[in-house]
Amino acid sequence: MSSQVQSLQKQLTQLRQEAGVNRIPVSEAIQDILSYTNQHAQDDALVIGVNQSENPFREPKPCSIL
């Protein structure tokens, strides 16, 4: 019985913490995300690609001596 009471107390504490979190509307969060991604798109390798000379995952070149 006491373990059930402790579990319920933990749940109540968690719910109280979550209730106190300040939230913003989804539309405002989306605008913030779009603004951030547009501002940082020029630095994003997934958007502009990776220069092959700087790519650490490029295919190794075969040895030209053989």
C-alpha atoms as a PDB file:
ATOM      1  CA  MET A   1       0.000   0.000   0.000  1.00  0.00           C
ATOM      2  CA  SER A   2       2.758   2.474   0.881  1.00  0.00           C
ATOM      3  CA  SER A   3       4.518   1.851  -2.436  1.00  0.00           C
ATOM      4  CA  GLN A   4       1.310   2.749  -4.229  1.00  0.00           C
ATOM      5  CA  VAL A   5       1.025   5.953  -2.195  1.00  0.00           C
ATOM      6  CA  GLN A   6       4.663   6.855  -2.996  1.00  0.00           C
ATOM      7  CA  SER A   7       4.052   6.189  -6.684  1.00  0.00           C
ATOM      8  CA  LEU A   8       0.990   8.424  -6.678  1.00  0.00           C
ATOM      9  CA  GLN A   9       2.929  11.144  -4.843  1.00  0.00           C
ATOM     10  CA  LYS A  10       5.672  11.014  -7.473  1.00  0.00           C
ATOM     11  CA  GLN A  11       3.071  11.263 -10.228  1.00  0.00           C
ATOM     12  CA  LEU A  12       1.431  14.214  -8.496  1.00  0.00           C
ATOM     13  CA  THR A  13       4.780  15.981  -8.138  1.00  0.00           C
ATOM     14  CA  GLN A  14       5.538  15.405 -11.818  1.00  0.00           C
ATOM     15  CA  LEU A  15       2.128  16.701 -12.883  1.00  0.00           C
ATOM     16  CA  ARG A  16       2.546  19.819 -10.751  1.00  0.00           C
ATOM     17  CA  GLN A  17       5.921  20.510 -12.374  1.00  0.00           C
ATOM     18  CA  GLU A  18       4.474  20.031 -15.847  1.00  0.00           C
ATOM     19  CA  ALA A  19       1.538  22.307 -15.044  1.00  0.00           C
ATOM     20  CA  GLY A  20       3.958  25.090 -14.106  1.00  0.00           C
ATOM     21  CA  VAL A  21       5.803  25.020 -17.452  1.00  0.00           C
ATOM     22  CA  ASN A  22       5.244  28.117 -19.578  1.00  0.00           C
ATOM     23  CA  ARG A  23       4.042  27.153 -23.040  1.00  0.00           C
ATOM     24  CA  ILE A  24       3.814  29.050 -26.290  1.00  0.00           C
ATOM     25  CA  PRO A  25       1.300  28.502 -29.074  1.00  0.00           C
ATOM     26  CA  VAL A  26       2.291  26.045 -31.798  1.00  0.00           C
ATOM     27  CA  SER A  27       1.989  28.725 -34.466  1.00  0.00           C
ATOM     28  CA  GLU A  28       4.553  30.861 -32.631  1.00  0.00           C
ATOM     29  CA  ALA A  29       6.900  27.900 -32.171  1.00  0.00           C
ATOM     30  CA  ILE A  30       6.669  27.086 -35.882  1.00  0.00           C
ATOM     31  CA  GLN A  31       7.534  30.669 -36.803  1.00  0.00           C
ATOM     32  CA  ASP A  32      10.567  30.527 -34.488  1.00  0.00           C
ATOM     33  CA  ILE A  33      11.733  27.242 -36.042  1.00  0.00           C
ATOM     34  CA  LEU A  34      11.282  28.562 -39.594  1.00  0.00           C
ATOM     35  CA  SER A  35      13.154  31.730 -38.748  1.00  0.00           C
ATOM     36  CA  TYR A  36      16.019  29.784 -37.194  1.00  0.00           C
ATOM     37  CA  THR A  37      16.329  27.350 -40.114  1.00  0.00           C
ATOM     38  CA  ASN A  38      16.234  30.163 -42.682  1.00  0.00           C
ATOM     39  CA  GLN A  39      18.943  32.072 -40.826  1.00  0.00           C
ATOM     40  CA  HIS A  40      21.234  29.036 -40.573  1.00  0.00           C
ATOM     41  CA  ALA A  41      20.543  27.366 -43.935  1.00  0.00           C
ATOM     42  CA  GLN A  42      23.750  28.722 -45.515  1.00  0.00           C
ATOM     43  CA  ASP A  43      25.822  26.838 -42.898  1.00  0.00           C
ATOM     44  CA  ASP A  44      23.890  23.558 -43.069  1.00  0.00           C
ATOM     45  CA  ALA A  45      25.712  20.774 -44.904  1.00  0.00           C
ATOM     46  CA  LEU A  46      22.445  18.932 -45.498  1.00  0.00           C
ATOM     47  CA  VAL A  47      21.099  21.926 -47.414  1.00  0.00           C
ATOM     48  CA  ILE A  48      24.146  23.129 -49.382  1.00  0.00           C
ATOM     49  CA  GLY A  49      26.110  19.891 -49.549  1.00  0.00           C
ATOM     50  CA  VAL A  50      29.639  19.061 -48.481  1.00  0.00           C
ATOM     51  CA  ASN A  51      32.745  20.086 -50.369  1.00  0.00           C
ATOM     52  CA  GLN A  52      34.337  16.842 -51.591  1.00  0.00           C
ATOM     53  CA  SER A  53      37.825  17.940 -50.531  1.00  0.00           C
ATOM     54  CA  GLU A  54      36.568  18.387 -46.950  1.00  0.00           C
ATOM     55  CA  ASN A  55      34.343  15.293 -46.832  1.00  0.00           C
ATOM     56  CA  PRO A  56      35.762  12.791 -44.310  1.00  0.00           C
ATOM     57  CA  PHE A  57      33.433  10.066 -45.626  1.00  0.00           C
ATOM     58  CA  ARG A  58      34.427  10.202 -49.306  1.00  0.00           C
ATOM     59  CA  GLU A  59      35.421   7.033 -51.105  1.00  0.00           C
ATOM     60  CA  PRO A  60      39.157   6.385 -50.937  1.00  0.00           C
ATOM     61  CA  LYS A  61      41.026   6.817 -54.206  1.00  0.00           C
ATOM     62  CA  PRO A  62      42.709   3.728 -55.613  1.00  0.00           C
ATOM     63  CA  CYS A  63      46.483   3.644 -55.563  1.00  0.00           C
ATOM     64  CA  SER A  64      47.845   4.915 -58.882  1.00  0.00           C
ATOM     65  CA  ILE A  65      51.162   3.042 -58.538  1.00  0.00           C
ATOM     66  CA  LEU A  66      49.522  -0.337 -58.934  1.00  0.00           C
END
